[in-house]
PDB file of all heavy atoms in Angstrom:
ATOM      1  N   ASN A   1     -31.513 -21.688 -49.688  1.00  0.00           N
ATOM      2  CA  ASN A   1     -32.875 -22.347 -49.796  1.00  0.00           C
ATOM      3  C   ASN A   1     -33.969 -21.553 -49.012  1.00  0.00           C
ATOM      4  O   ASN A   1     -35.055 -22.108 -48.841  1.00  0.00           O
ATOM      5  CB  ASN A   1     -32.797 -23.758 -49.366  1.00  0.00           C
ATOM      6  CG  ASN A   1     -32.078 -24.602 -50.443  1.00  0.00           C
ATOM      7  OD1 ASN A   1     -31.953 -24.267 -51.589  1.00  0.00           O
ATOM      8  ND2 ASN A   1     -31.578 -25.779 -50.003  1.00  0.00           N
ATOM      9  N   ILE A   2     -33.634 -20.435 -48.362  1.00  0.00           N
ATOM     10  CA  ILE A   2     -34.501 -19.679 -47.546  1.00  0.00           C
ATOM     11  C   ILE A   2     -34.978 -18.492 -48.469  1.00  0.00           C
ATOM     12  O   ILE A   2     -34.238 -17.803 -49.040  1.00  0.00           O
ATOM     13  CB  ILE A   2     -33.932 -19.184 -46.305  1.00  0.00           C
ATOM     14  CG1 ILE A   2     -33.493 -20.346 -45.386  1.00  0.00           C
ATOM     15  CG2 ILE A   2     -34.905 -18.269 -45.529  1.00  0.00           C
ATOM     16  CD1 ILE A   2     -34.647 -21.120 -44.902  1.00  0.00           C
ATOM     17  N   ILE A   3     -36.312 -18.276 -48.462  1.00  0.00           N
ATOM     18  CA  ILE A   3     -36.848 -17.060 -49.075  1.00  0.00           C
ATOM     19  C   ILE A   3     -36.909 -15.868 -48.121  1.00  0.00           C
ATOM     20  O   ILE A   3     -37.577 -16.015 -47.102  1.00  0.00           O
ATOM     21  CB  ILE A   3     -38.296 -17.365 -49.656  1.00  0.00           C
ATOM     22  CG1 ILE A   3     -38.227 -18.468 -50.704  1.00  0.00           C
ATOM     23  CG2 ILE A   3     -38.824 -16.033 -50.337  1.00  0.00           C
ATOM     24  CD1 ILE A   3     -39.542 -18.903 -51.214  1.00  0.00           C
ATOM     25  N   TYR A   4     -36.182 -14.924 -48.215  1.00  0.00           N
ATOM     26  CA  TYR A   4     -36.089 -13.719 -47.399  1.00  0.00           C
ATOM     27  C   TYR A   4     -37.028 -12.619 -47.901  1.00  0.00           C
ATOM     28  O   TYR A   4     -37.063 -12.304 -49.099  1.00  0.00           O
ATOM     29  CB  TYR A   4     -34.728 -13.165 -47.344  1.00  0.00           C
ATOM     30  CG  TYR A   4     -33.757 -13.973 -46.589  1.00  0.00           C
ATOM     31  CD1 TYR A   4     -33.051 -15.069 -47.359  1.00  0.00           C
ATOM     32  CD2 TYR A   4     -33.314 -13.882 -45.290  1.00  0.00           C
ATOM     33  CE1 TYR A   4     -32.101 -15.860 -46.763  1.00  0.00           C
ATOM     34  CE2 TYR A   4     -32.421 -14.649 -44.714  1.00  0.00           C
ATOM     35  CZ  TYR A   4     -31.764 -15.658 -45.422  1.00  0.00           C
ATOM     36  OH  TYR A   4     -30.867 -16.438 -44.834  1.00  0.00           O
ATOM     37  N   MET A   5     -37.938 -12.155 -47.029  1.00  0.00           N
ATOM     38  CA  MET A   5     -38.920 -11.142 -47.349  1.00  0.00           C
ATOM     39  C   MET A   5     -38.548  -9.915 -46.533  1.00  0.00           C
ATOM     40  O   MET A   5     -38.923  -9.724 -45.411  1.00  0.00           O
ATOM     41  CB  MET A   5     -40.258 -11.624 -47.064  1.00  0.00           C
ATOM     42  CG  MET A   5     -40.700 -12.943 -47.626  1.00  0.00           C
ATOM     43  SD  MET A   5     -42.383 -13.402 -47.291  1.00  0.00           S
ATOM     44  CE  MET A   5     -42.306 -13.905 -45.588  1.00  0.00           C
ATOM     45  N   PRO A   6     -37.839  -8.948 -47.215  1.00  0.00           N
ATOM     46  CA  PRO A   6     -37.323  -7.766 -46.546  1.00  0.00           C
ATOM     47  C   PRO A   6     -38.459  -6.920 -45.994  1.00  0.00           C
ATOM     48  O   PRO A   6     -39.458  -6.711 -46.724  1.00  0.00           O
ATOM     49  CB  PRO A   6     -36.465  -7.063 -47.589  1.00  0.00           C
ATOM     50  CG  PRO A   6     -36.162  -8.109 -48.551  1.00  0.00           C
ATOM     51  CD  PRO A   6     -37.260  -9.036 -48.574  1.00  0.00           C
ATOM     52  N   CYS A   7     -38.300  -6.492 -44.804  1.00  0.00           N
ATOM     53  CA  CYS A   7     -39.267  -5.509 -44.123  1.00  0.00           C
ATOM     54  C   CYS A   7     -38.500  -4.249 -43.838  1.00  0.00           C
ATOM     55  O   CYS A   7     -37.705  -4.200 -42.821  1.00  0.00           O
ATOM     56  CB  CYS A   7     -39.853  -6.161 -42.855  1.00  0.00           C
ATOM     57  SG  CYS A   7     -40.772  -7.586 -43.142  1.00  0.00           S
ATOM     58  N   THR A   8     -38.708  -3.298 -44.640  1.00  0.00           N
ATOM     59  CA  THR A   8     -37.874  -2.021 -44.520  1.00  0.00           C
ATOM     60  C   THR A   8     -38.792  -0.805 -44.444  1.00  0.00           C
ATOM     61  O   THR A   8     -40.038  -0.895 -44.677  1.00  0.00           O
ATOM     62  CB  THR A   8     -36.999  -1.902 -45.824  1.00  0.00           C
ATOM     63  OG1 THR A   8     -37.819  -1.687 -46.978  1.00  0.00           O
ATOM     64  CG2 THR A   8     -36.157  -3.117 -46.032  1.00  0.00           C
ATOM     65  N   ALA A   9     -38.132   0.231 -44.206  1.00  0.00           N
ATOM     66  CA  ALA A   9     -38.938   1.561 -44.032  1.00  0.00           C
ATOM     67  C   ALA A   9     -39.602   1.927 -45.298  1.00  0.00           C
ATOM     68  O   ALA A   9     -40.663   2.440 -45.403  1.00  0.00           O
ATOM     69  CB  ALA A   9     -37.951   2.653 -43.626  1.00  0.00           C
ATOM     70  N   GLU A  10     -38.974   1.463 -46.467  1.00  0.00           N
ATOM     71  CA  GLU A  10     -39.484   1.751 -47.822  1.00  0.00           C
ATOM     72  C   GLU A  10     -40.798   1.067 -48.058  1.00  0.00           C
ATOM     73  O   GLU A  10     -41.697   1.590 -48.805  1.00  0.00           O
ATOM     74  CB  GLU A  10     -38.420   1.436 -48.864  1.00  0.00           C
ATOM     75  CG  GLU A  10     -37.196   2.294 -48.968  1.00  0.00           C
ATOM     76  CD  GLU A  10     -36.317   2.265 -47.729  1.00  0.00           C
ATOM     77  OE1 GLU A  10     -36.239   1.012 -47.095  1.00  0.00           O
ATOM     78  OE2 GLU A  10     -35.664   3.203 -47.358  1.00  0.00           O
ATOM     79  N   ASN A  11     -40.968  -0.159 -47.519  1.00  0.00           N
ATOM     80  CA  ASN A  11     -42.287  -0.854 -47.761  1.00  0.00           C
ATOM     81  C   ASN A  11     -43.076  -0.892 -46.446  1.00  0.00           C
ATOM     82  O   ASN A  11     -43.981  -1.706 -46.356  1.00  0.00           O
ATOM     83  CB  ASN A  11     -42.042  -2.255 -48.214  1.00  0.00           C
ATOM     84  CG  ASN A  11     -41.312  -3.187 -47.333  1.00  0.00           C
ATOM     85  OD1 ASN A  11     -41.093  -2.833 -46.077  1.00  0.00           O
ATOM     86  ND2 ASN A  11     -40.702  -4.239 -47.770  1.00  0.00           N
ATOM     87  N   GLY A  12     -42.812   0.076 -45.583  1.00  0.00           N
ATOM     88  CA  GLY A  12     -43.664   0.165 -44.351  1.00  0.00           C
ATOM     89  C   GLY A  12     -43.443  -1.034 -43.434  1.00  0.00           C
ATOM     90  O   GLY A  12     -44.312  -1.333 -42.595  1.00  0.00           O
ATOM     91  N   PHE A  13     -42.292  -1.676 -43.545  1.00  0.00           N
ATOM     92  CA  PHE A  13     -42.006  -2.846 -42.750  1.00  0.00           C
ATOM     93  C   PHE A  13     -42.975  -4.037 -42.971  1.00  0.00           C
ATOM     94  O   PHE A  13     -43.231  -4.760 -42.055  1.00  0.00           O
ATOM     95  CB  PHE A  13     -41.865  -2.523 -41.289  1.00  0.00           C
ATOM     96  CG  PHE A  13     -40.839  -1.473 -40.964  1.00  0.00           C
ATOM     97  CD1 PHE A  13     -40.995  -0.254 -40.713  1.00  0.00           C
ATOM     98  CD2 PHE A  13     -39.389  -1.895 -41.078  1.00  0.00           C
ATOM     99  CE1 PHE A  13     -40.052   0.744 -40.457  1.00  0.00           C
ATOM    100  CE2 PHE A  13     -38.459  -0.966 -40.897  1.00  0.00           C
ATOM    101  CZ  PHE A  13     -38.660   0.398 -40.562  1.00  0.00           C
ATOM    102  N   MET A  14     -43.627  -4.037 -44.059  1.00  0.00           N
ATOM    103  CA  MET A  14     -44.641  -5.105 -44.358  1.00  0.00           C
ATOM    104  C   MET A  14     -44.124  -5.993 -45.518  1.00  0.00           C
ATOM    105  O   MET A  14     -43.832  -5.512 -46.552  1.00  0.00           O
ATOM    106  CB  MET A  14     -45.935  -4.386 -44.890  1.00  0.00           C
ATOM    107  CG  MET A  14     -47.128  -5.370 -44.889  1.00  0.00           C
ATOM    108  SD  MET A  14     -47.465  -6.066 -43.261  1.00  0.00           S
ATOM    109  CE  MET A  14     -47.730  -4.698 -42.227  1.00  0.00           C
ATOM    110  N   PRO A  15     -43.925  -7.294 -45.170  1.00  0.00           N
ATOM    111  CA  PRO A  15     -43.338  -8.114 -46.239  1.00  0.00           C
ATOM    112  C   PRO A  15     -44.247  -8.212 -47.480  1.00  0.00           C
ATOM    113  O   PRO A  15     -45.498  -8.137 -47.442  1.00  0.00           O
ATOM    114  CB  PRO A  15     -43.337  -9.506 -45.504  1.00  0.00           C
ATOM    115  CG  PRO A  15     -44.447  -9.393 -44.480  1.00  0.00           C
ATOM    116  CD  PRO A  15     -44.361  -7.967 -44.080  1.00  0.00           C
ATOM    117  N   GLU A  16     -43.612  -8.374 -48.572  1.00  0.00           N
ATOM    118  CA  GLU A  16     -44.275  -8.547 -49.816  1.00  0.00           C
ATOM    119  C   GLU A  16     -44.349 -10.041 -50.257  1.00  0.00           C
ATOM    120  O   GLU A  16     -43.507 -10.777 -49.784  1.00  0.00           O
ATOM    121  CB  GLU A  16     -43.557  -7.742 -50.924  1.00  0.00           C
ATOM    122  CG  GLU A  16     -43.413  -6.252 -50.649  1.00  0.00           C
ATOM    123  CD  GLU A  16     -42.569  -5.551 -51.647  1.00  0.00           C
ATOM    124  OE1 GLU A  16     -42.083  -6.124 -52.552  1.00  0.00           O
ATOM    125  OE2 GLU A  16     -42.418  -4.305 -51.446  1.00  0.00           O
ATOM    126  N   LEU A  17     -45.279 -10.365 -51.041  1.00  0.00           N
ATOM    127  CA  LEU A  17     -45.462 -11.755 -51.422  1.00  0.00           C
ATOM    128  C   LEU A  17     -44.228 -12.278 -52.146  1.00  0.00           C
ATOM    129  O   LEU A  17     -43.644 -11.498 -52.987  1.00  0.00           O
ATOM    130  CB  LEU A  17     -46.696 -11.930 -52.356  1.00  0.00           C
ATOM    131  CG  LEU A  17     -48.043 -11.580 -51.779  1.00  0.00           C
ATOM    132  CD1 LEU A  17     -49.107 -11.713 -52.814  1.00  0.00           C
ATOM    133  CD2 LEU A  17     -48.357 -12.682 -50.667  1.00  0.00           C
ATOM    134  N   PRO A  18     -43.805 -13.508 -51.856  1.00  0.00           N
ATOM    135  CA  PRO A  18     -42.568 -13.994 -52.599  1.00  0.00           C
ATOM    136  C   PRO A  18     -42.807 -14.081 -53.951  1.00  0.00           C
ATOM    137  O   PRO A  18     -43.883 -14.410 -54.491  1.00  0.00           O
ATOM    138  CB  PRO A  18     -42.479 -15.456 -51.882  1.00  0.00           C
ATOM    139  CG  PRO A  18     -43.237 -15.364 -50.670  1.00  0.00           C
ATOM    140  CD  PRO A  18     -44.397 -14.479 -50.993  1.00  0.00           C
ATOM    141  N   LYS A  19     -41.636 -13.882 -54.776  1.00  0.00           N
ATOM    142  CA  LYS A  19     -41.726 -14.027 -56.210  1.00  0.00           C
ATOM    143  C   LYS A  19     -41.710 -15.519 -56.613  1.00  0.00           C
ATOM    144  O   LYS A  19     -42.066 -15.862 -57.686  1.00  0.00           O
ATOM    145  CB  LYS A  19     -40.572 -13.239 -56.792  1.00  0.00           C
ATOM    146  CG  LYS A  19     -40.739 -11.767 -56.638  1.00  0.00           C
ATOM    147  CD  LYS A  19     -39.642 -11.015 -57.335  1.00  0.00           C
ATOM    148  CE  LYS A  19     -39.841  -9.508 -57.364  1.00  0.00           C
ATOM    149  NZ  LYS A  19     -39.991  -8.923 -55.954  1.00  0.00           N
ATOM    150  N   GLU A  20     -41.187 -16.372 -55.752  1.00  0.00           N
ATOM    151  CA  GLU A  20     -41.173 -17.779 -55.957  1.00  0.00           C
ATOM    152  C   GLU A  20     -42.090 -18.472 -55.068  1.00  0.00           C
ATOM    153  O   GLU A  20     -42.371 -17.887 -53.941  1.00  0.00           O
ATOM    154  CB  GLU A  20     -39.771 -18.354 -55.932  1.00  0.00           C
ATOM    155  CG  GLU A  20     -39.090 -18.136 -54.524  1.00  0.00           C
ATOM    156  CD  GLU A  20     -37.737 -18.762 -54.524  1.00  0.00           C
ATOM    157  OE1 GLU A  20     -37.608 -19.931 -54.776  1.00  0.00           O
ATOM    158  OE2 GLU A  20     -36.781 -17.993 -54.170  1.00  0.00           O
ATOM    159  N   LYS A  21     -42.547 -19.658 -55.231  1.00  0.00           N
ATOM    160  CA  LYS A  21     -43.475 -20.397 -54.450  1.00  0.00           C
ATOM    161  C   LYS A  21     -42.870 -20.771 -53.096  1.00  0.00           C
ATOM    162  O   LYS A  21     -41.866 -21.318 -53.069  1.00  0.00           O
ATOM    163  CB  LYS A  21     -44.029 -21.575 -55.054  1.00  0.00           C
ATOM    164  CG  LYS A  21     -45.120 -22.330 -54.231  1.00  0.00           C
ATOM    165  CD  LYS A  21     -45.547 -23.650 -54.912  1.00  0.00           C
ATOM    166  CE  LYS A  21     -46.611 -24.349 -54.144  1.00  0.00           C
ATOM    167  NZ  LYS A  21     -46.063 -24.722 -52.838  1.00  0.00           N
ATOM    168  N   ALA A  22     -43.569 -20.326 -51.985  1.00  0.00           N
ATOM    169  CA  ALA A  22     -43.102 -20.706 -50.678  1.00  0.00           C
ATOM    170  C   ALA A  22     -44.036 -21.723 -50.111  1.00  0.00           C
ATOM    171  O   ALA A  22     -45.275 -21.680 -50.212  1.00  0.00           O
ATOM    172  CB  ALA A  22     -43.078 -19.452 -49.812  1.00  0.00           C
ATOM    173  N   ASP A  23     -43.451 -22.859 -49.546  1.00  0.00           N
ATOM    174  CA  ASP A  23     -44.253 -23.892 -49.036  1.00  0.00           C
ATOM    175  C   ASP A  23     -44.723 -23.431 -47.601  1.00  0.00           C
ATOM    176  O   ASP A  23     -45.874 -23.767 -47.202  1.00  0.00           O
ATOM    177  CB  ASP A  23     -43.552 -25.253 -48.944  1.00  0.00           C
ATOM    178  CG  ASP A  23     -43.110 -25.562 -50.326  1.00  0.00           C
ATOM    179  OD1 ASP A  23     -44.079 -25.657 -51.257  1.00  0.00           O
ATOM    180  OD2 ASP A  23     -41.933 -25.899 -50.642  1.00  0.00           O
ATOM    181  N   VAL A  24     -43.791 -22.986 -46.741  1.00  0.00           N
ATOM    182  CA  VAL A  24     -44.075 -22.601 -45.361  1.00  0.00           C
ATOM    183  C   VAL A  24     -43.707 -21.215 -45.205  1.00  0.00           C
ATOM    184  O   VAL A  24     -42.617 -20.745 -45.578  1.00  0.00           O
ATOM    185  CB  VAL A  24     -43.269 -23.487 -44.342  1.00  0.00           C
ATOM    186  CG1 VAL A  24     -43.604 -22.999 -42.940  1.00  0.00           C
ATOM    187  CG2 VAL A  24     -43.629 -24.913 -44.599  1.00  0.00           C
ATOM    188  N   ILE A  25     -44.682 -20.371 -44.686  1.00  0.00           N
ATOM    189  CA  ILE A  25     -44.476 -18.985 -44.532  1.00  0.00           C
ATOM    190  C   ILE A  25     -44.513 -18.505 -43.058  1.00  0.00           C
ATOM    191  O   ILE A  25     -45.658 -18.860 -42.426  1.00  0.00           O
ATOM    192  CB  ILE A  25     -45.468 -18.136 -45.383  1.00  0.00           C
ATOM    193  CG1 ILE A  25     -45.383 -18.567 -46.793  1.00  0.00           C
ATOM    194  CG2 ILE A  25     -45.173 -16.607 -45.248  1.00  0.00           C
ATOM    195  CD1 ILE A  25     -46.604 -18.175 -47.636  1.00  0.00           C
ATOM    196  N   TYR A  26     -43.553 -17.942 -42.439  1.00  0.00           N
ATOM    197  CA  TYR A  26     -43.578 -17.483 -41.208  1.00  0.00           C
ATOM    198  C   TYR A  26     -43.996 -16.053 -41.019  1.00  0.00           C
ATOM    199  O   TYR A  26     -43.465 -15.155 -41.656  1.00  0.00           O
ATOM    200  CB  TYR A  26     -42.215 -17.572 -40.476  1.00  0.00           C
ATOM    201  CG  TYR A  26     -41.847 -18.969 -40.084  1.00  0.00           C
ATOM    202  CD1 TYR A  26     -41.325 -19.903 -41.099  1.00  0.00           C
ATOM    203  CD2 TYR A  26     -41.834 -19.468 -38.796  1.00  0.00           C
ATOM    204  CE1 TYR A  26     -40.836 -21.127 -40.740  1.00  0.00           C
ATOM    205  CE2 TYR A  26     -41.389 -20.704 -38.485  1.00  0.00           C
ATOM    206  CZ  TYR A  26     -40.973 -21.617 -39.492  1.00  0.00           C
ATOM    207  OH  TYR A  26     -40.528 -22.827 -39.138  1.00  0.00           O
ATOM    208  N   LEU A  27     -45.093 -15.713 -40.320  1.00  0.00           N
ATOM    209  CA  LEU A  27     -45.566 -14.381 -40.195  1.00  0.00           C
ATOM    210  C   LEU A  27     -45.720 -14.109 -38.671  1.00  0.00           C
ATOM    211  O   LEU A  27     -46.236 -14.984 -37.948  1.00  0.00           O
ATOM    212  CB  LEU A  27     -47.019 -14.102 -40.855  1.00  0.00           C
ATOM    213  CG  LEU A  27     -46.947 -14.168 -42.445  1.00  0.00           C
ATOM    214  CD1 LEU A  27     -48.335 -14.050 -42.912  1.00  0.00           C
ATOM    215  CD2 LEU A  27     -45.971 -13.160 -43.070  1.00  0.00           C
ATOM    216  N   CYS A  28     -45.407 -12.870 -38.284  1.00  0.00           N
ATOM    217  CA  CYS A  28     -45.550 -12.534 -36.782  1.00  0.00           C
ATOM    218  C   CYS A  28     -46.078 -11.199 -36.738  1.00  0.00           C
ATOM    219  O   CYS A  28     -45.472 -10.193 -37.282  1.00  0.00           O
ATOM    220  CB  CYS A  28     -44.120 -12.652 -36.110  1.00  0.00           C
ATOM    221  SG  CYS A  28     -44.104 -12.067 -34.470  1.00  0.00           S
ATOM    222  N   PHE A  29     -47.260 -11.010 -36.133  1.00  0.00           N
ATOM    223  CA  PHE A  29     -47.870  -9.677 -35.940  1.00  0.00           C
ATOM    224  C   PHE A  29     -48.573  -9.651 -34.658  1.00  0.00           C
ATOM    225  O   PHE A  29     -49.370 -10.560 -34.365  1.00  0.00           O
ATOM    226  CB  PHE A  29     -48.861  -9.373 -37.134  1.00  0.00           C
ATOM    227  CG  PHE A  29     -48.193  -9.221 -38.431  1.00  0.00           C
ATOM    228  CD1 PHE A  29     -48.264 -10.165 -39.427  1.00  0.00           C
ATOM    229  CD2 PHE A  29     -47.404  -8.029 -38.610  1.00  0.00           C
ATOM    230  CE1 PHE A  29     -47.649  -9.991 -40.662  1.00  0.00           C
ATOM    231  CE2 PHE A  29     -46.763  -7.880 -39.928  1.00  0.00           C
ATOM    232  CZ  PHE A  29     -46.888  -8.844 -40.888  1.00  0.00           C
TER     233      PHE A  29
END
């Protein structure tokens, strides 16, 4: 039930928008 947003070298370690609706989104910058 957790939406994982991979942060990898390929995407510049920047999460992409979830493909399914997320109610609560954790961001740390």
